[in-house]
Amino acid sequence: MCYIRASMSNVLQKQHEEHQTARQIMDNLEEMFGEQTIQAKTDAIKGLMNCRQKVGTPIKEHMMKVMA
């Protein structure tokens, strides 16, 4: 639990002072940021599915775009 708090910003540390277990902290963080995680995953999958190599573009350039 100390590692979790140490990696948080000061604002989040204050918000989670009353939580007694790591599970409580993680559940609360999931409530706060879970929706953002789902949206980020969805956006990443859409980006990969729609990524096409343009004719004449070197494979290295295309792969750098895919990995970014």
PDB file of N, CA and C in Angstrom:
ATOM      1  N   MET A   1       0.820  -1.176   0.000  1.00  0.00           N
ATOM      2  CA  MET A   1       0.000   0.000   0.000  1.00  0.00           C
ATOM      3  C   MET A   1       0.874   1.254   0.000  1.00  0.00           C
ATOM      4  N   CYS A   2       2.015   1.191   0.691  1.00  0.00           N
ATOM      5  CA  CYS A   2       2.911   2.353   0.727  1.00  0.00           C
ATOM      6  C   CYS A   2       3.444   2.672  -0.660  1.00  0.00           C
ATOM      7  N   TYR A   3       3.711   1.622  -1.453  1.00  0.00           N
ATOM      8  CA  TYR A   3       4.212   1.838  -2.808  1.00  0.00           C
ATOM      9  C   TYR A   3       3.162   2.527  -3.674  1.00  0.00           C
ATOM     10  N   ILE A   4       1.926   2.156  -3.487  1.00  0.00           N
ATOM     11  CA  ILE A   4       0.850   2.773  -4.263  1.00  0.00           C
ATOM     12  C   ILE A   4       0.767   4.256  -3.932  1.00  0.00           C
ATOM     13  N   ARG A   5       0.739   4.568  -2.657  1.00  0.00           N
ATOM     14  CA  ARG A   5       0.646   5.978  -2.252  1.00  0.00           C
ATOM     15  C   ARG A   5       1.870   6.773  -2.686  1.00  0.00           C
ATOM     16  N   ALA A   6       3.047   6.155  -2.609  1.00  0.00           N
ATOM     17  CA  ALA A   6       4.278   6.861  -2.981  1.00  0.00           C
ATOM     18  C   ALA A   6       4.288   7.234  -4.457  1.00  0.00           C
ATOM     19  N   SER A   7       3.608   6.444  -5.285  1.00  0.00           N
ATOM     20  CA  SER A   7       3.604   6.717  -6.724  1.00  0.00           C
ATOM     21  C   SER A   7       2.495   7.688  -7.141  1.00  0.00           C
ATOM     22  N   MET A   8       1.669   8.106  -6.205  1.00  0.00           N
ATOM     23  CA  MET A   8       0.563   9.024  -6.500  1.00  0.00           C
ATOM     24  C   MET A   8       0.998  10.479  -6.361  1.00  0.00           C
ATOM     25  N   SER A   9       0.233  11.334  -7.005  1.00  0.00           N
ATOM     26  CA  SER A   9       0.424  12.770  -6.790  1.00  0.00           C
ATOM     27  C   SER A   9      -0.060  13.118  -5.381  1.00  0.00           C
ATOM     28  N   ASN A  10       0.347  14.266  -4.896  1.00  0.00           N
ATOM     29  CA  ASN A  10      -0.054  14.702  -3.549  1.00  0.00           C
ATOM     30  C   ASN A  10      -1.569  14.801  -3.407  1.00  0.00           C
ATOM     31  N   VAL A  11      -2.225  15.240  -4.459  1.00  0.00           N
ATOM     32  CA  VAL A  11      -3.691  15.381  -4.422  1.00  0.00           C
ATOM     33  C   VAL A  11      -4.347  14.015  -4.240  1.00  0.00           C
ATOM     34  N   LEU A  12      -3.896  13.024  -5.007  1.00  0.00           N
ATOM     35  CA  LEU A  12      -4.468  11.683  -4.875  1.00  0.00           C
ATOM     36  C   LEU A  12      -4.136  11.072  -3.518  1.00  0.00           C
ATOM     37  N   GLN A  13      -2.942  11.321  -3.007  1.00  0.00           N
ATOM     38  CA  GLN A  13      -2.585  10.808  -1.681  1.00  0.00           C
ATOM     39  C   GLN A  13      -3.565  11.316  -0.631  1.00  0.00           C
ATOM     40  N   LYS A  14      -3.882  12.609  -0.687  1.00  0.00           N
ATOM     41  CA  LYS A  14      -4.832  13.198   0.266  1.00  0.00           C
ATOM     42  C   LYS A  14      -6.207  12.539   0.152  1.00  0.00           C
ATOM     43  N   GLN A  15      -6.630  12.278  -1.088  1.00  0.00           N
ATOM     44  CA  GLN A  15      -7.954  11.689  -1.309  1.00  0.00           C
ATOM     45  C   GLN A  15      -8.035  10.258  -0.789  1.00  0.00           C
ATOM     46  N   HIS A  16      -6.898   9.566  -0.699  1.00  0.00           N
ATOM     47  CA  HIS A  16      -6.900   8.156  -0.309  1.00  0.00           C
ATOM     48  C   HIS A  16      -6.347   7.910   1.091  1.00  0.00           C
ATOM     49  N   GLU A  17      -6.220   8.945   1.890  1.00  0.00           N
ATOM     50  CA  GLU A  17      -5.699   8.785   3.253  1.00  0.00           C
ATOM     51  C   GLU A  17      -6.564   7.864   4.110  1.00  0.00           C
ATOM     52  N   GLU A  18      -7.871   7.918   3.924  1.00  0.00           N
ATOM     53  CA  GLU A  18      -8.764   7.130   4.777  1.00  0.00           C
ATOM     54  C   GLU A  18      -8.847   5.658   4.376  1.00  0.00           C
ATOM     55  N   HIS A  19      -8.372   5.299   3.206  1.00  0.00           N
ATOM     56  CA  HIS A  19      -8.422   3.905   2.770  1.00  0.00           C
ATOM     57  C   HIS A  19      -7.392   3.077   3.531  1.00  0.00           C
ATOM     58  N   GLN A  20      -7.829   1.924   4.017  1.00  0.00           N
ATOM     59  CA  GLN A  20      -6.985   1.084   4.863  1.00  0.00           C
ATOM     60  C   GLN A  20      -6.233  -0.001   4.094  1.00  0.00           C
ATOM     61  N   THR A  21      -6.739  -0.395   2.931  1.00  0.00           N
ATOM     62  CA  THR A  21      -6.101  -1.483   2.187  1.00  0.00           C
ATOM     63  C   THR A  21      -5.786  -1.054   0.755  1.00  0.00           C
ATOM     64  N   ALA A  22      -4.858  -1.783   0.158  1.00  0.00           N
ATOM     65  CA  ALA A  22      -4.509  -1.526  -1.240  1.00  0.00           C
ATOM     66  C   ALA A  22      -5.720  -1.772  -2.137  1.00  0.00           C
ATOM     67  N   ARG A  23      -6.530  -2.756  -1.794  1.00  0.00           N
ATOM     68  CA  ARG A  23      -7.727  -3.073  -2.585  1.00  0.00           C
ATOM     69  C   ARG A  23      -8.684  -1.881  -2.617  1.00  0.00           C
ATOM     70  N   GLN A  24      -8.873  -1.225  -1.469  1.00  0.00           N
ATOM     71  CA  GLN A  24      -9.755  -0.060  -1.414  1.00  0.00           C
ATOM     72  C   GLN A  24      -9.220   1.064  -2.301  1.00  0.00           C
ATOM     73  N   ILE A  25      -7.916   1.263  -2.254  1.00  0.00           N
ATOM     74  CA  ILE A  25      -7.307   2.303  -3.087  1.00  0.00           C
ATOM     75  C   ILE A  25      -7.494   1.972  -4.558  1.00  0.00           C
ATOM     76  N   MET A  26      -7.203   0.731  -4.937  1.00  0.00           N
ATOM     77  CA  MET A  26      -7.310   0.333  -6.340  1.00  0.00           C
ATOM     78  C   MET A  26      -8.753   0.411  -6.835  1.00  0.00           C
ATOM     79  N   ASP A  27      -9.697   0.004  -6.005  1.00  0.00           N
ATOM     80  CA  ASP A  27     -11.112   0.100  -6.393  1.00  0.00           C
ATOM     81  C   ASP A  27     -11.519   1.551  -6.625  1.00  0.00           C
ATOM     82  N   ASN A  28     -11.068   2.435  -5.743  1.00  0.00           N
ATOM     83  CA  ASN A  28     -11.402   3.847  -5.889  1.00  0.00           C
ATOM     84  C   ASN A  28     -10.757   4.439  -7.135  1.00  0.00           C
ATOM     85  N   LEU A  29      -9.514   4.084  -7.408  1.00  0.00           N
ATOM     86  CA  LEU A  29      -8.846   4.574  -8.618  1.00  0.00           C
ATOM     87  C   LEU A  29      -9.552   4.073  -9.874  1.00  0.00           C
ATOM     88  N   GLU A  30     -10.028   2.833  -9.823  1.00  0.00           N
ATOM     89  CA  GLU A  30     -10.780   2.277 -10.954  1.00  0.00           C
ATOM     90  C   GLU A  30     -12.059   3.077 -11.185  1.00  0.00           C
ATOM     91  N   GLU A  31     -12.738   3.444 -10.107  1.00  0.00           N
ATOM     92  CA  GLU A  31     -13.939   4.279 -10.234  1.00  0.00           C
ATOM     93  C   GLU A  31     -13.609   5.630 -10.853  1.00  0.00           C
ATOM     94  N   MET A  32     -12.489   6.212 -10.424  1.00  0.00           N
ATOM     95  CA  MET A  32     -12.116   7.548 -10.885  1.00  0.00           C
ATOM     96  C   MET A  32     -11.637   7.568 -12.333  1.00  0.00           C
ATOM     97  N   PHE A  33     -10.838   6.563 -12.715  1.00  0.00           N
ATOM     98  CA  PHE A  33     -10.165   6.611 -14.007  1.00  0.00           C
ATOM     99  C   PHE A  33     -10.521   5.467 -14.948  1.00  0.00           C
ATOM    100  N   GLY A  34     -11.379   4.563 -14.536  1.00  0.00           N
ATOM    101  CA  GLY A  34     -11.711   3.390 -15.342  1.00  0.00           C
ATOM    102  C   GLY A  34     -12.280   3.731 -16.703  1.00  0.00           C
ATOM    103  N   GLU A  35     -13.144   4.708 -16.756  1.00  0.00           N
ATOM    104  CA  GLU A  35     -13.771   5.108 -18.024  1.00  0.00           C
ATOM    105  C   GLU A  35     -12.731   5.640 -18.999  1.00  0.00           C
ATOM    106  N   GLN A  36     -11.758   6.376 -18.500  1.00  0.00           N
ATOM    107  CA  GLN A  36     -10.692   6.900 -19.352  1.00  0.00           C
ATOM    108  C   GLN A  36      -9.871   5.762 -19.944  1.00  0.00           C
ATOM    109  N   THR A  37      -9.645   4.711 -19.146  1.00  0.00           N
ATOM    110  CA  THR A  37      -8.875   3.563 -19.612  1.00  0.00           C
ATOM    111  C   THR A  37      -9.604   2.855 -20.746  1.00  0.00           C
ATOM    112  N   ILE A  38     -10.889   2.660 -20.592  1.00  0.00           N
ATOM    113  CA  ILE A  38     -11.684   2.001 -21.628  1.00  0.00           C
ATOM    114  C   ILE A  38     -11.643   2.814 -22.919  1.00  0.00           C
ATOM    115  N   GLN A  39     -11.794   4.121 -22.809  1.00  0.00           N
ATOM    116  CA  GLN A  39     -11.770   4.985 -23.992  1.00  0.00           C
ATOM    117  C   GLN A  39     -10.402   4.957 -24.659  1.00  0.00           C
ATOM    118  N   ALA A  40      -9.332   4.953 -23.875  1.00  0.00           N
ATOM    119  CA  ALA A  40      -7.979   4.913 -24.437  1.00  0.00           C
ATOM    120  C   ALA A  40      -7.744   3.604 -25.186  1.00  0.00           C
ATOM    121  N   LYS A  41      -8.213   2.488 -24.630  1.00  0.00           N
ATOM    122  CA  LYS A  41      -8.074   1.193 -25.305  1.00  0.00           C
ATOM    123  C   LYS A  41      -8.854   1.188 -26.617  1.00  0.00           C
ATOM    124  N   THR A  42     -10.071   1.706 -26.575  1.00  0.00           N
ATOM    125  CA  THR A  42     -10.906   1.762 -27.772  1.00  0.00           C
ATOM    126  C   THR A  42     -10.248   2.604 -28.858  1.00  0.00           C
ATOM    127  N   ASP A  43      -9.718   3.756 -28.477  1.00  0.00           N
ATOM    128  CA  ASP A  43      -9.044   4.628 -29.444  1.00  0.00           C
ATOM    129  C   ASP A  43      -7.813   3.959 -30.040  1.00  0.00           C
ATOM    130  N   ALA A  44      -7.051   3.247 -29.216  1.00  0.00           N
ATOM    131  CA  ALA A  44      -5.851   2.562 -29.703  1.00  0.00           C
ATOM    132  C   ALA A  44      -6.216   1.460 -30.700  1.00  0.00           C
ATOM    133  N   ILE A  45      -7.242   0.697 -30.397  1.00  0.00           N
ATOM    134  CA  ILE A  45      -7.671  -0.376 -31.304  1.00  0.00           C
ATOM    135  C   ILE A  45      -8.175   0.202 -32.620  1.00  0.00           C
ATOM    136  N   LYS A  46      -8.972   1.276 -32.552  1.00  0.00           N
ATOM    137  CA  LYS A  46      -9.458   1.921 -33.775  1.00  0.00           C
ATOM    138  C   LYS A  46      -8.291   2.413 -34.623  1.00  0.00           C
ATOM    139  N   GLY A  47      -7.307   3.020 -33.968  1.00  0.00           N
ATOM    140  CA  GLY A  47      -6.134   3.520 -34.685  1.00  0.00           C
ATOM    141  C   GLY A  47      -5.387   2.415 -35.403  1.00  0.00           C
ATOM    142  N   LEU A  48      -5.213   1.280 -34.737  1.00  0.00           N
ATOM    143  CA  LEU A  48      -4.519   0.152 -35.365  1.00  0.00           C
ATOM    144  C   LEU A  48      -5.335  -0.449 -36.509  1.00  0.00           C
ATOM    145  N   MET A  49      -6.639  -0.554 -36.305  1.00  0.00           N
ATOM    146  CA  MET A  49      -7.490  -1.141 -37.337  1.00  0.00           C
ATOM    147  C   MET A  49      -7.549  -0.271 -38.593  1.00  0.00           C
ATOM    148  N   ASN A  50      -7.429   1.039 -38.435  1.00  0.00           N
ATOM    149  CA  ASN A  50      -7.527   1.956 -39.567  1.00  0.00           C
ATOM    150  C   ASN A  50      -6.175   2.351 -40.152  1.00  0.00           C
ATOM    151  N   CYS A  51      -5.108   1.819 -39.607  1.00  0.00           N
ATOM    152  CA  CYS A  51      -3.764   2.177 -40.065  1.00  0.00           C
ATOM    153  C   CYS A  51      -3.435   1.406 -41.354  1.00  0.00           C
ATOM    154  N   ARG A  52      -3.166   2.122 -42.396  1.00  0.00           N
ATOM    155  CA  ARG A  52      -2.820   1.517 -43.687  1.00  0.00           C
ATOM    156  C   ARG A  52      -1.522   2.129 -44.189  1.00  0.00           C
ATOM    157  N   GLN A  53      -0.699   1.294 -44.777  1.00  0.00           N
ATOM    158  CA  GLN A  53       0.544   1.799 -45.356  1.00  0.00           C
ATOM    159  C   GLN A  53       0.225   2.433 -46.699  1.00  0.00           C
ATOM    160  N   LYS A  54       0.688   3.662 -46.872  1.00  0.00           N
ATOM    161  CA  LYS A  54       0.471   4.360 -48.130  1.00  0.00           C
ATOM    162  C   LYS A  54       1.427   3.806 -49.181  1.00  0.00           C
ATOM    163  N   VAL A  55       0.951   3.741 -50.411  1.00  0.00           N
ATOM    164  CA  VAL A  55       1.765   3.241 -51.517  1.00  0.00           C
ATOM    165  C   VAL A  55       3.021   4.100 -51.645  1.00  0.00           C
ATOM    166  N   GLY A  56       4.164   3.442 -51.720  1.00  0.00           N
ATOM    167  CA  GLY A  56       5.429   4.145 -51.881  1.00  0.00           C
ATOM    168  C   GLY A  56       6.087   4.547 -50.573  1.00  0.00           C
ATOM    169  N   THR A  57       5.390   4.365 -49.463  1.00  0.00           N
ATOM    170  CA  THR A  57       5.970   4.705 -48.159  1.00  0.00           C
ATOM    171  C   THR A  57       6.872   3.563 -47.700  1.00  0.00           C
ATOM    172  N   PRO A  58       8.083   3.870 -47.258  1.00  0.00           N
ATOM    173  CA  PRO A  58       8.972   2.814 -46.759  1.00  0.00           C
ATOM    174  C   PRO A  58       8.363   2.105 -45.544  1.00  0.00           C
ATOM    175  N   ILE A  59       8.630   0.801 -45.445  1.00  0.00           N
ATOM    176  CA  ILE A  59       8.063   0.011 -44.350  1.00  0.00           C
ATOM    177  C   ILE A  59       8.514   0.539 -42.988  1.00  0.00           C
ATOM    178  N   LYS A  60       9.760   1.019 -42.907  1.00  0.00           N
ATOM    179  CA  LYS A  60      10.267   1.538 -41.637  1.00  0.00           C
ATOM    180  C   LYS A  60       9.413   2.721 -41.162  1.00  0.00           C
ATOM    181  N   GLU A  61       9.102   3.623 -42.062  1.00  0.00           N
ATOM    182  CA  GLU A  61       8.279   4.789 -41.721  1.00  0.00           C
ATOM    183  C   GLU A  61       6.884   4.355 -41.263  1.00  0.00           C
ATOM    184  N   HIS A  62       6.322   3.376 -41.975  1.00  0.00           N
ATOM    185  CA  HIS A  62       4.997   2.869 -41.619  1.00  0.00           C
ATOM    186  C   HIS A  62       5.014   2.219 -40.231  1.00  0.00           C
ATOM    187  N   MET A  63       6.022   1.407 -39.961  1.00  0.00           N
ATOM    188  CA  MET A  63       6.100   0.725 -38.676  1.00  0.00           C
ATOM    189  C   MET A  63       6.307   1.711 -37.526  1.00  0.00           C
ATOM    190  N   MET A  64       7.058   2.767 -37.766  1.00  0.00           N
ATOM    191  CA  MET A  64       7.250   3.787 -36.732  1.00  0.00           C
ATOM    192  C   MET A  64       5.910   4.458 -36.401  1.00  0.00           C
ATOM    193  N   LYS A  65       5.098   4.665 -37.425  1.00  0.00           N
ATOM    194  CA  LYS A  65       3.774   5.257 -37.216  1.00  0.00           C
ATOM    195  C   LYS A  65       2.880   4.296 -36.428  1.00  0.00           C
ATOM    196  N   VAL A  66       2.938   3.010 -36.765  1.00  0.00           N
ATOM    197  CA  VAL A  66       2.118   2.011 -36.082  1.00  0.00           C
ATOM    198  C   VAL A  66       2.526   1.904 -34.610  1.00  0.00           C
ATOM    199  N   MET A  67       3.800   1.939 -34.339  1.00  0.00           N
ATOM    200  CA  MET A  67       4.294   1.769 -32.969  1.00  0.00           C
ATOM    201  C   MET A  67       4.100   3.014 -32.109  1.00  0.00           C
ATOM    202  N   ALA A  68       3.860   4.153 -32.728  1.00  0.00           N
ATOM    203  CA  ALA A  68       3.729   5.404 -31.947  1.00  0.00           C
ATOM    204  C   ALA A  68       2.429   5.541 -31.252  1.00  0.00           C
TER     205      ALA A  68
END
